[in-house]
Amino acid sequence: TFIPLVIAGWCRYLMGLDDQGNEMSLSSDPLLSTLKNYISGVKLGDV
């Protein structure tokens, strides 16, 4: 339960928005631009 919960949390983190929906800066990662691109169409509040 909890390992997939963290993985889901990481995907949520990649949206670059904190839990209140405010923009937050993401830490460096060699795959950051690729990963962000995958979820670029996801909108907070729109499942």
All heavy atoms as atom14 arrays in JSON, in Angstrom:
{
  "sequence": "TFIPLVIAGWCRYLMGLDDQGNEMSLSSDPLLSTLKNYISGVKLGDV",
  "atom14_mask": [
    [1, 1, 1, 1, 1, 1, 1, 0, 0, 0, 0, 0, 0, 0],
    [1, 1, 1, 1, 1, 1, 1, 1, 1, 1, 1, 0, 0, 0],
    [1, 1, 1, 1, 1, 1, 1, 1, 0, 0, 0, 0, 0, 0],
    [1, 1, 1, 1, 1, 1, 1, 0, 0, 0, 0, 0, 0, 0],
    [1, 1, 1, 1, 1, 1, 1, 1, 0, 0, 0, 0, 0, 0],
    [1, 1, 1, 1, 1, 1, 1, 0, 0, 0, 0, 0, 0, 0],
    [1, 1, 1, 1, 1, 1, 1, 1, 0, 0, 0, 0, 0, 0],
    [1, 1, 1, 1, 1, 0, 0, 0, 0, 0, 0, 0, 0, 0],
    [1, 1, 1, 1, 0, 0, 0, 0, 0, 0, 0, 0, 0, 0],
    [1, 1, 1, 1, 1, 1, 1, 1, 1, 1, 1, 1, 1, 1],
    [1, 1, 1, 1, 1, 1, 0, 0, 0, 0, 0, 0, 0, 0],
    [1, 1, 1, 1, 1, 1, 1, 1, 1, 1, 1, 0, 0, 0],
    [1, 1, 1, 1, 1, 1, 1, 1, 1, 1, 1, 1, 0, 0],
    [1, 1, 1, 1, 1, 1, 1, 1, 0, 0, 0, 0, 0, 0],
    [1, 1, 1, 1, 1, 1, 1, 1, 0, 0, 0, 0, 0, 0],
    [1, 1, 1, 1, 0, 0, 0, 0, 0, 0, 0, 0, 0, 0],
    [1, 1, 1, 1, 1, 1, 1, 1, 0, 0, 0, 0, 0, 0],
    [1, 1, 1, 1, 1, 1, 1, 1, 0, 0, 0, 0, 0, 0],
    [1, 1, 1, 1, 1, 1, 1, 1, 0, 0, 0, 0, 0, 0],
    [1, 1, 1, 1, 1, 1, 1, 1, 1, 0, 0, 0, 0, 0],
    [1, 1, 1, 1, 0, 0, 0, 0, 0, 0, 0, 0, 0, 0],
    [1, 1, 1, 1, 1, 1, 1, 1, 0, 0, 0, 0, 0, 0],
    [1, 1, 1, 1, 1, 1, 1, 1, 1, 0, 0, 0, 0, 0],
    [1, 1, 1, 1, 1, 1, 1, 1, 0, 0, 0, 0, 0, 0],
    [1, 1, 1, 1, 1, 1, 0, 0, 0, 0, 0, 0, 0, 0],
    [1, 1, 1, 1, 1, 1, 1, 1, 0, 0, 0, 0, 0, 0],
    [1, 1, 1, 1, 1, 1, 0, 0, 0, 0, 0, 0, 0, 0],
    [1, 1, 1, 1, 1, 1, 0, 0, 0, 0, 0, 0, 0, 0],
    [1, 1, 1, 1, 1, 1, 1, 1, 0, 0, 0, 0, 0, 0],
    [1, 1, 1, 1, 1, 1, 1, 0, 0, 0, 0, 0, 0, 0],
    [1, 1, 1, 1, 1, 1, 1, 1, 0, 0, 0, 0, 0, 0],
    [1, 1, 1, 1, 1, 1, 1, 1, 0, 0, 0, 0, 0, 0],
    [1, 1, 1, 1, 1, 1, 0, 0, 0, 0, 0, 0, 0, 0],
    [1, 1, 1, 1, 1, 1, 1, 0, 0, 0, 0, 0, 0, 0],
    [1, 1, 1, 1, 1, 1, 1, 1, 0, 0, 0, 0, 0, 0],
    [1, 1, 1, 1, 1, 1, 1, 1, 1, 0, 0, 0, 0, 0],
    [1, 1, 1, 1, 1, 1, 1, 1, 0, 0, 0, 0, 0, 0],
    [1, 1, 1, 1, 1, 1, 1, 1, 1, 1, 1, 1, 0, 0],
    [1, 1, 1, 1, 1, 1, 1, 1, 0, 0, 0, 0, 0, 0],
    [1, 1, 1, 1, 1, 1, 0, 0, 0, 0, 0, 0, 0, 0],
    [1, 1, 1, 1, 0, 0, 0, 0, 0, 0, 0, 0, 0, 0],
    [1, 1, 1, 1, 1, 1, 1, 0, 0, 0, 0, 0, 0, 0],
    [1, 1, 1, 1, 1, 1, 1, 1, 1, 0, 0, 0, 0, 0],
    [1, 1, 1, 1, 1, 1, 1, 1, 0, 0, 0, 0, 0, 0],
    [1, 1, 1, 1, 0, 0, 0, 0, 0, 0, 0, 0, 0, 0],
    [1, 1, 1, 1, 1, 1, 1, 1, 0, 0, 0, 0, 0, 0],
    [1, 1, 1, 1, 1, 1, 1, 0, 0, 0, 0, 0, 0, 0]
  ],
  "atom14_positions": [
    [[0.82, -1.21, 0.0], [0.0, 0.0, 0.0], [0.85, 1.26, 0.0], [0.64, 2.17, -0.79], [-0.9, 0.03, 1.27], [-1.77, -1.1, 1.22], [-1.73, 1.32, 1.33], [0.0, 0.0, 0.0], [0.0, 0.0, 0.0], [0.0, 0.0, 0.0], [0.0, 0.0, 0.0], [0.0, 0.0, 0.0], [0.0, 0.0, 0.0], [0.0, 0.0, 0.0]],
    [[1.85, 1.29, 0.87], [2.54, 2.56, 1.15], [3.64, 2.86, 0.14], [3.88, 4.03, -0.17], [3.04, 2.54, 2.6], [1.91, 2.28, 3.55], [1.72, 1.03, 4.11], [0.97, 3.28, 3.81], [0.64, 0.77, 4.95], [-0.12, 3.03, 4.65], [-0.28, 1.77, 5.21], [0.0, 0.0, 0.0], [0.0, 0.0, 0.0], [0.0, 0.0, 0.0]],
    [[4.28, 1.82, -0.4], [5.28, 2.06, -1.45], [4.6, 2.64, -2.7], [5.05, 3.68, -3.2], [6.09, 0.78, -1.74], [7.08, 0.54, -0.58], [6.83, 0.88, -3.08], [7.84, -0.77, -0.63], [0.0, 0.0, 0.0], [0.0, 0.0, 0.0], [0.0, 0.0, 0.0], [0.0, 0.0, 0.0], [0.0, 0.0, 0.0], [0.0, 0.0, 0.0]],
    [[3.51, 2.04, -3.22], [2.84, 2.69, -4.36], [2.27, 4.07, -4.02], [2.18, 4.93, -4.9], [1.73, 1.71, -4.74], [1.63, 0.72, -3.63], [2.94, 0.71, -2.93], [0.0, 0.0, 0.0], [0.0, 0.0, 0.0], [0.0, 0.0, 0.0], [0.0, 0.0, 0.0], [0.0, 0.0, 0.0], [0.0, 0.0, 0.0], [0.0, 0.0, 0.0]],
    [[1.94, 4.28, -2.75], [1.45, 5.6, -2.33], [2.55, 6.66, -2.51], [2.29, 7.78, -2.97], [1.0, 5.54, -0.87], [0.22, 6.73, -0.31], [-1.14, 6.86, -0.99], [0.01, 6.58, 1.19], [0.0, 0.0, 0.0], [0.0, 0.0, 0.0], [0.0, 0.0, 0.0], [0.0, 0.0, 0.0], [0.0, 0.0, 0.0], [0.0, 0.0, 0.0]],
    [[3.8, 6.29, -2.16], [4.92, 7.22, -2.34], [5.2, 7.45, -3.83], [5.47, 8.58, -4.26], [6.19, 6.71, -1.62], [7.37, 7.63, -1.91], [5.96, 6.63, -0.12], [0.0, 0.0, 0.0], [0.0, 0.0, 0.0], [0.0, 0.0, 0.0], [0.0, 0.0, 0.0], [0.0, 0.0, 0.0], [0.0, 0.0, 0.0], [0.0, 0.0, 0.0]],
    [[5.12, 6.39, -4.62], [5.35, 6.52, -6.07], [4.3, 7.46, -6.68], [4.62, 8.32, -7.5], [5.37, 5.14, -6.75], [6.58, 4.34, -6.27], [5.39, 5.29, -8.28], [6.57, 2.86, -6.66], [0.0, 0.0, 0.0], [0.0, 0.0, 0.0], [0.0, 0.0, 0.0], [0.0, 0.0, 0.0], [0.0, 0.0, 0.0], [0.0, 0.0, 0.0]],
    [[3.06, 7.3, -6.24], [2.0, 8.21, -6.69], [2.29, 9.64, -6.23], [2.08, 10.61, -6.98], [0.64, 7.75, -6.15], [0.0, 0.0, 0.0], [0.0, 0.0, 0.0], [0.0, 0.0, 0.0], [0.0, 0.0, 0.0], [0.0, 0.0, 0.0], [0.0, 0.0, 0.0], [0.0, 0.0, 0.0], [0.0, 0.0, 0.0], [0.0, 0.0, 0.0]],
    [[2.81, 9.76, -5.0], [3.18, 11.08, -4.48], [4.27, 11.73, -5.29], [4.26, 12.94, -5.54], [0.0, 0.0, 0.0], [0.0, 0.0, 0.0], [0.0, 0.0, 0.0], [0.0, 0.0, 0.0], [0.0, 0.0, 0.0], [0.0, 0.0, 0.0], [0.0, 0.0, 0.0], [0.0, 0.0, 0.0], [0.0, 0.0, 0.0], [0.0, 0.0, 0.0]],
    [[5.23, 10.9, -5.76], [6.31, 11.43, -6.6], [5.75, 11.94, -7.93], [6.12, 13.01, -8.4], [7.37, 10.35, -6.83], [8.47, 10.77, -7.77], [9.21, 11.92, -7.7], [8.94, 10.06, -8.91], [10.14, 11.96, -8.73], [9.99, 10.83, -9.49], [8.6, 8.83, -9.5], [10.68, 10.41, -10.62], [9.3, 8.42, -10.62], [10.32, 9.21, -11.18]],
    [[4.83, 11.18, -8.53], [4.19, 11.64, -9.78], [3.43, 12.95, -9.54], [3.46, 13.86, -10.38], [3.25, 10.57, -10.32], [4.09, 9.05, -10.84], [0.0, 0.0, 0.0], [0.0, 0.0, 0.0], [0.0, 0.0, 0.0], [0.0, 0.0, 0.0], [0.0, 0.0, 0.0], [0.0, 0.0, 0.0], [0.0, 0.0, 0.0], [0.0, 0.0, 0.0]],
    [[2.78, 13.05, -8.39], [2.06, 14.29, -8.03], [3.04, 15.45, -7.84], [2.79, 16.58, -8.27], [1.25, 14.02, -6.75], [0.64, 15.23, -6.06], [-0.46, 15.88, -6.9], [-0.96, 17.07, -6.22], [-0.36, 18.25, -6.23], [0.78, 18.41, -6.89], [-0.9, 19.29, -5.61], [0.0, 0.0, 0.0], [0.0, 0.0, 0.0], [0.0, 0.0, 0.0]],
    [[4.2, 15.15, -7.24], [5.26, 16.14, -7.04], [5.72, 16.71, -8.38], [5.99, 17.91, -8.52], [6.42, 15.46, -6.29], [7.77, 16.14, -6.37], [8.12, 17.14, -5.47], [8.71, 15.78, -7.35], [9.37, 17.76, -5.54], [9.95, 16.39, -7.43], [10.27, 17.39, -6.52], [11.5, 18.0, -6.6], [0.0, 0.0, 0.0], [0.0, 0.0, 0.0]],
    [[5.81, 15.83, -9.4], [6.31, 16.24, -10.72], [5.43, 17.29, -11.39], [5.85, 17.94, -12.35], [6.46, 15.02, -11.63], [7.56, 14.03, -11.25], [7.43, 12.74, -12.04], [8.95, 14.64, -11.45], [0.0, 0.0, 0.0], [0.0, 0.0, 0.0], [0.0, 0.0, 0.0], [0.0, 0.0, 0.0], [0.0, 0.0, 0.0], [0.0, 0.0, 0.0]],
    [[4.22, 17.48, -10.88], [3.34, 18.53, -11.43], [3.86, 19.93, -11.07], [3.45, 20.92, -11.68], [1.91, 18.37, -10.91], [1.19, 17.15, -11.48], [-0.43, 16.88, -10.7], [-1.34, 18.31, -11.32], [0.0, 0.0, 0.0], [0.0, 0.0, 0.0], [0.0, 0.0, 0.0], [0.0, 0.0, 0.0], [0.0, 0.0, 0.0], [0.0, 0.0, 0.0]],
    [[4.77, 20.01, -10.07], [5.33, 21.31, -9.71], [4.37, 22.2, -8.95], [4.53, 23.42, -8.9], [0.0, 0.0, 0.0], [0.0, 0.0, 0.0], [0.0, 0.0, 0.0], [0.0, 0.0, 0.0], [0.0, 0.0, 0.0], [0.0, 0.0, 0.0], [0.0, 0.0, 0.0], [0.0, 0.0, 0.0], [0.0, 0.0, 0.0], [0.0, 0.0, 0.0]],
    [[3.35, 21.57, -8.33], [2.37, 22.32, -7.52], [2.31, 21.69, -6.14], [2.26, 20.45, -6.02], [0.97, 22.23, -8.15], [0.8, 22.77, -9.58], [-0.59, 22.41, -10.11], [1.0, 24.29, -9.6], [0.0, 0.0, 0.0], [0.0, 0.0, 0.0], [0.0, 0.0, 0.0], [0.0, 0.0, 0.0], [0.0, 0.0, 0.0], [0.0, 0.0, 0.0]],
    [[2.33, 22.51, -5.09], [2.23, 21.94, -3.76], [0.78, 21.54, -3.46], [-0.1, 21.65, -4.33], [2.8, 22.9, -2.7], [1.96, 24.17, -2.52], [0.78, 24.21, -2.96], [2.49, 25.14, -1.93], [0.0, 0.0, 0.0], [0.0, 0.0, 0.0], [0.0, 0.0, 0.0], [0.0, 0.0, 0.0], [0.0, 0.0, 0.0], [0.0, 0.0, 0.0]],
    [[0.54, 21.08, -2.24], [-0.79, 20.53, -1.91], [-1.88, 21.59, -1.96], [-3.06, 21.27, -2.07], [-0.75, 19.86, -0.53], [-1.97, 18.97, -0.28], [-2.57, 18.51, -1.27], [-2.31, 18.75, 0.89], [0.0, 0.0, 0.0], [0.0, 0.0, 0.0], [0.0, 0.0, 0.0], [0.0, 0.0, 0.0], [0.0, 0.0, 0.0], [0.0, 0.0, 0.0]],
    [[-1.5, 22.86, -1.89], [-2.5, 23.94, -1.97], [-2.66, 24.45, -3.41], [-3.44, 25.37, -3.65], [-2.1, 25.09, -1.05], [-2.01, 24.71, 0.43], [-3.27, 24.0, 0.91], [-4.39, 24.46, 0.68], [-3.09, 22.85, 1.58], [0.0, 0.0, 0.0], [0.0, 0.0, 0.0], [0.0, 0.0, 0.0], [0.0, 0.0, 0.0], [0.0, 0.0, 0.0]],
    [[-1.92, 23.85, -4.33], [-2.02, 24.26, -5.73], [-1.08, 25.39, -6.11], [-1.14, 25.9, -7.23], [0.0, 0.0, 0.0], [0.0, 0.0, 0.0], [0.0, 0.0, 0.0], [0.0, 0.0, 0.0], [0.0, 0.0, 0.0], [0.0, 0.0, 0.0], [0.0, 0.0, 0.0], [0.0, 0.0, 0.0], [0.0, 0.0, 0.0], [0.0, 0.0, 0.0]],
    [[-0.19, 25.78, -5.18], [0.78, 26.84, -5.48], [1.99, 26.24, -6.2], [2.39, 25.11, -5.91], [1.25, 27.53, -4.19], [0.08, 28.1, -3.4], [-0.78, 28.75, -3.98], [0.05, 27.83, -2.11], [0.0, 0.0, 0.0], [0.0, 0.0, 0.0], [0.0, 0.0, 0.0], [0.0, 0.0, 0.0], [0.0, 0.0, 0.0], [0.0, 0.0, 0.0]],
    [[2.58, 27.03, -7.1], [3.77, 26.55, -7.81], [4.93, 26.35, -6.84], [5.13, 27.14, -5.92], [4.18, 27.56, -8.89], [3.32, 27.45, -10.13], [3.91, 28.19, -11.33], [5.15, 28.34, -11.38], [3.13, 28.62, -12.18], [0.0, 0.0, 0.0], [0.0, 0.0, 0.0], [0.0, 0.0, 0.0], [0.0, 0.0, 0.0], [0.0, 0.0, 0.0]],
    [[5.67, 25.27, -7.05], [6.87, 25.03, -6.24], [8.0, 24.61, -7.17], [7.77, 24.0, -8.22], [6.62, 23.96, -5.17], [6.32, 22.58, -5.72], [6.13, 21.34, -4.4], [6.02, 19.84, -5.39], [0.0, 0.0, 0.0], [0.0, 0.0, 0.0], [0.0, 0.0, 0.0], [0.0, 0.0, 0.0], [0.0, 0.0, 0.0], [0.0, 0.0, 0.0]],
    [[9.22, 24.97, -6.82], [10.35, 24.6, -7.68], [10.71, 23.15, -7.42], [10.63, 22.66, -6.28], [11.54, 25.52, -7.43], [11.9, 25.46, -6.07], [0.0, 0.0, 0.0], [0.0, 0.0, 0.0], [0.0, 0.0, 0.0], [0.0, 0.0, 0.0], [0.0, 0.0, 0.0], [0.0, 0.0, 0.0], [0.0, 0.0, 0.0], [0.0, 0.0, 0.0]],
    [[11.09, 22.45, -8.48], [11.44, 21.03, -8.38], [12.97, 20.88, -8.32], [13.7, 21.63, -8.96], [10.89, 20.27, -9.58], [9.36, 20.3, -9.73], [8.93, 19.49, -10.96], [8.66, 19.75, -8.49], [0.0, 0.0, 0.0], [0.0, 0.0, 0.0], [0.0, 0.0, 0.0], [0.0, 0.0, 0.0], [0.0, 0.0, 0.0], [0.0, 0.0, 0.0]],
    [[13.43, 19.91, -7.56], [14.86, 19.66, -7.44], [15.39, 19.07, -8.75], [14.65, 18.47, -9.52], [15.12, 18.68, -6.29], [14.62, 19.22, -5.08], [0.0, 0.0, 0.0], [0.0, 0.0, 0.0], [0.0, 0.0, 0.0], [0.0, 0.0, 0.0], [0.0, 0.0, 0.0], [0.0, 0.0, 0.0], [0.0, 0.0, 0.0], [0.0, 0.0, 0.0]],
    [[16.69, 19.24, -8.97], [17.29, 18.8, -10.24], [17.16, 17.28, -10.39], [17.22, 16.54, -9.41], [18.75, 19.22, -10.31], [19.47, 18.6, -9.27], [0.0, 0.0, 0.0], [0.0, 0.0, 0.0], [0.0, 0.0, 0.0], [0.0, 0.0, 0.0], [0.0, 0.0, 0.0], [0.0, 0.0, 0.0], [0.0, 0.0, 0.0], [0.0, 0.0, 0.0]],
    [[16.98, 16.85, -11.63], [16.83, 15.44, -11.96], [17.11, 15.3, -13.45], [16.55, 16.05, -14.24], [15.41, 14.96, -11.63], [15.25, 13.45, -11.74], [15.6, 12.89, -12.8], [14.76, 12.84, -10.78], [0.0, 0.0, 0.0], [0.0, 0.0, 0.0], [0.0, 0.0, 0.0], [0.0, 0.0, 0.0], [0.0, 0.0, 0.0], [0.0, 0.0, 0.0]],
    [[17.97, 14.35, -13.86], [18.29, 14.25, -15.29], [17.09, 13.95, -16.18], [17.1, 14.26, -17.37], [19.32, 13.11, -15.34], [19.28, 12.44, -14.02], [18.75, 13.43, -13.04], [0.0, 0.0, 0.0], [0.0, 0.0, 0.0], [0.0, 0.0, 0.0], [0.0, 0.0, 0.0], [0.0, 0.0, 0.0], [0.0, 0.0, 0.0], [0.0, 0.0, 0.0]],
    [[16.02, 13.35, -15.61], [14.84, 13.02, -16.42], [13.69, 14.01, -16.22], [12.58, 13.77, -16.7], [14.34, 11.6, -16.08], [15.26, 10.43, -16.43], [14.57, 9.11, -16.12], [15.68, 10.46, -17.89], [0.0, 0.0, 0.0], [0.0, 0.0, 0.0], [0.0, 0.0, 0.0], [0.0, 0.0, 0.0], [0.0, 0.0, 0.0], [0.0, 0.0, 0.0]],
    [[13.96, 15.12, -15.53], [12.88, 16.01, -15.12], [12.02, 16.5, -16.29], [10.79, 16.41, -16.25], [13.44, 17.21, -14.34], [12.42, 18.04, -13.56], [11.65, 17.18, -12.57], [13.12, 19.17, -12.81], [0.0, 0.0, 0.0], [0.0, 0.0, 0.0], [0.0, 0.0, 0.0], [0.0, 0.0, 0.0], [0.0, 0.0, 0.0], [0.0, 0.0, 0.0]],
    [[12.66, 16.99, -17.34], [11.87, 17.55, -18.46], [11.04, 16.46, -19.13], [9.87, 16.69, -19.49], [12.78, 18.24, -19.47], [13.77, 17.35, -19.93], [0.0, 0.0, 0.0], [0.0, 0.0, 0.0], [0.0, 0.0, 0.0], [0.0, 0.0, 0.0], [0.0, 0.0, 0.0], [0.0, 0.0, 0.0], [0.0, 0.0, 0.0], [0.0, 0.0, 0.0]],
    [[11.59, 15.26, -19.29], [10.84, 14.14, -19.89], [9.64, 13.77, -19.04], [8.52, 13.6, -19.54], [11.77, 12.9, -20.04], [12.95, 13.29, -20.72], [11.09, 11.78, -20.78], [0.0, 0.0, 0.0], [0.0, 0.0, 0.0], [0.0, 0.0, 0.0], [0.0, 0.0, 0.0], [0.0, 0.0, 0.0], [0.0, 0.0, 0.0], [0.0, 0.0, 0.0]],
    [[9.85, 13.63, -17.74], [8.78, 13.22, -16.82], [7.68, 14.27, -16.74], [6.48, 13.95, -16.74], [9.37, 12.94, -15.43], [10.34, 11.76, -15.34], [11.12, 11.78, -14.03], [9.6, 10.43, -15.47], [0.0, 0.0, 0.0], [0.0, 0.0, 0.0], [0.0, 0.0, 0.0], [0.0, 0.0, 0.0], [0.0, 0.0, 0.0], [0.0, 0.0, 0.0]],
    [[8.09, 15.53, -16.66], [7.1, 16.62, -16.6], [6.24, 16.66, -17.86], [5.05, 16.94, -17.82], [7.8, 17.97, -16.4], [8.23, 18.24, -14.97], [9.06, 19.49, -14.86], [8.24, 20.74, -15.07], [9.08, 21.97, -14.94], [0.0, 0.0, 0.0], [0.0, 0.0, 0.0], [0.0, 0.0, 0.0], [0.0, 0.0, 0.0], [0.0, 0.0, 0.0]],
    [[6.88, 16.33, -18.98], [6.18, 16.35, -20.26], [5.05, 15.31, -20.28], [3.97, 15.56, -20.82], [7.18, 16.08, -21.39], [6.62, 16.45, -22.74], [5.94, 17.46, -22.88], [6.87, 15.62, -23.73], [0.0, 0.0, 0.0], [0.0, 0.0, 0.0], [0.0, 0.0, 0.0], [0.0, 0.0, 0.0], [0.0, 0.0, 0.0], [0.0, 0.0, 0.0]],
    [[5.32, 14.14, -19.69], [4.29, 13.08, -19.66], [3.01, 13.54, -18.96], [1.9, 13.18, -19.36], [4.81, 11.83, -18.95], [5.86, 11.05, -19.71], [6.97, 10.53, -19.05], [5.75, 10.82, -21.08], [7.95, 9.8, -19.71], [6.72, 10.1, -21.77], [7.82, 9.59, -21.08], [8.78, 8.87, -21.74], [0.0, 0.0, 0.0], [0.0, 0.0, 0.0]],
    [[3.2, 14.3, -17.88], [2.01, 14.67, -17.08], [1.58, 16.12, -17.3], [0.81, 16.66, -16.52], [2.26, 14.39, -15.58], [3.49, 15.16, -15.06], [2.41, 12.92, -15.3], [3.59, 15.16, -13.57], [0.0, 0.0, 0.0], [0.0, 0.0, 0.0], [0.0, 0.0, 0.0], [0.0, 0.0, 0.0], [0.0, 0.0, 0.0], [0.0, 0.0, 0.0]],
    [[2.09, 16.71, -18.37], [1.8, 18.14, -18.61], [0.31, 18.42, -18.83], [-0.16, 19.53, -18.6], [2.6, 18.65, -19.82], [2.31, 17.87, -20.96], [0.0, 0.0, 0.0], [0.0, 0.0, 0.0], [0.0, 0.0, 0.0], [0.0, 0.0, 0.0], [0.0, 0.0, 0.0], [0.0, 0.0, 0.0], [0.0, 0.0, 0.0], [0.0, 0.0, 0.0]],
    [[-0.43, 17.39, -19.25], [-1.87, 17.61, -19.5], [-2.74, 17.41, -18.27], [-3.96, 17.65, -18.31], [0.0, 0.0, 0.0], [0.0, 0.0, 0.0], [0.0, 0.0, 0.0], [0.0, 0.0, 0.0], [0.0, 0.0, 0.0], [0.0, 0.0, 0.0], [0.0, 0.0, 0.0], [0.0, 0.0, 0.0], [0.0, 0.0, 0.0], [0.0, 0.0, 0.0]],
    [[-2.13, 16.95, -17.16], [-2.91, 16.7, -15.94], [-3.23, 18.01, -15.24], [-2.36, 18.86, -15.05], [-2.14, 15.76, -14.98], [-2.95, 15.54, -13.7], [-1.84, 14.43, -15.66], [0.0, 0.0, 0.0], [0.0, 0.0, 0.0], [0.0, 0.0, 0.0], [0.0, 0.0, 0.0], [0.0, 0.0, 0.0], [0.0, 0.0, 0.0], [0.0, 0.0, 0.0]],
    [[-4.48, 18.19, -14.87], [-4.93, 19.43, -14.22], [-5.39, 19.13, -12.79], [-6.15, 18.17, -12.57], [-6.09, 20.07, -14.99], [-5.76, 20.4, -16.45], [-4.91, 21.65, -16.57], [-4.64, 22.0, -18.02], [-3.65, 21.13, -18.68], [0.0, 0.0, 0.0], [0.0, 0.0, 0.0], [0.0, 0.0, 0.0], [0.0, 0.0, 0.0], [0.0, 0.0, 0.0]],
    [[-4.93, 19.93, -11.84], [-5.37, 19.78, -10.45], [-6.87, 20.02, -10.38], [-7.38, 21.01, -10.91], [-4.62, 20.78, -9.56], [-4.75, 20.57, -8.05], [-4.16, 19.24, -7.62], [-4.07, 21.7, -7.29], [0.0, 0.0, 0.0], [0.0, 0.0, 0.0], [0.0, 0.0, 0.0], [0.0, 0.0, 0.0], [0.0, 0.0, 0.0], [0.0, 0.0, 0.0]],
    [[-7.58, 19.1, -9.73], [-9.03, 19.23, -9.63], [-9.78, 18.54, -10.75], [-11.02, 18.51, -10.76], [0.0, 0.0, 0.0], [0.0, 0.0, 0.0], [0.0, 0.0, 0.0], [0.0, 0.0, 0.0], [0.0, 0.0, 0.0], [0.0, 0.0, 0.0], [0.0, 0.0, 0.0], [0.0, 0.0, 0.0], [0.0, 0.0, 0.0], [0.0, 0.0, 0.0]],
    [[-9.07, 17.98, -11.73], [-9.71, 17.33, -12.88], [-9.16, 15.91, -13.02], [-8.17, 15.68, -13.72], [-9.47, 18.15, -14.16], [-10.12, 17.53, -15.39], [-10.84, 16.5, -15.24], [-9.89, 18.04, -16.5], [0.0, 0.0, 0.0], [0.0, 0.0, 0.0], [0.0, 0.0, 0.0], [0.0, 0.0, 0.0], [0.0, 0.0, 0.0], [0.0, 0.0, 0.0]],
    [[-9.81, 14.96, -12.36], [-9.33, 13.58, -12.34], [-9.33, 12.97, -13.74], [-8.47, 12.16, -14.09], [-10.18, 12.74, -11.35], [-9.81, 11.27, -11.42], [-9.99, 13.25, -9.92], [0.0, 0.0, 0.0], [0.0, 0.0, 0.0], [0.0, 0.0, 0.0], [0.0, 0.0, 0.0], [0.0, 0.0, 0.0], [0.0, 0.0, 0.0], [0.0, 0.0, 0.0]]
  ]
}
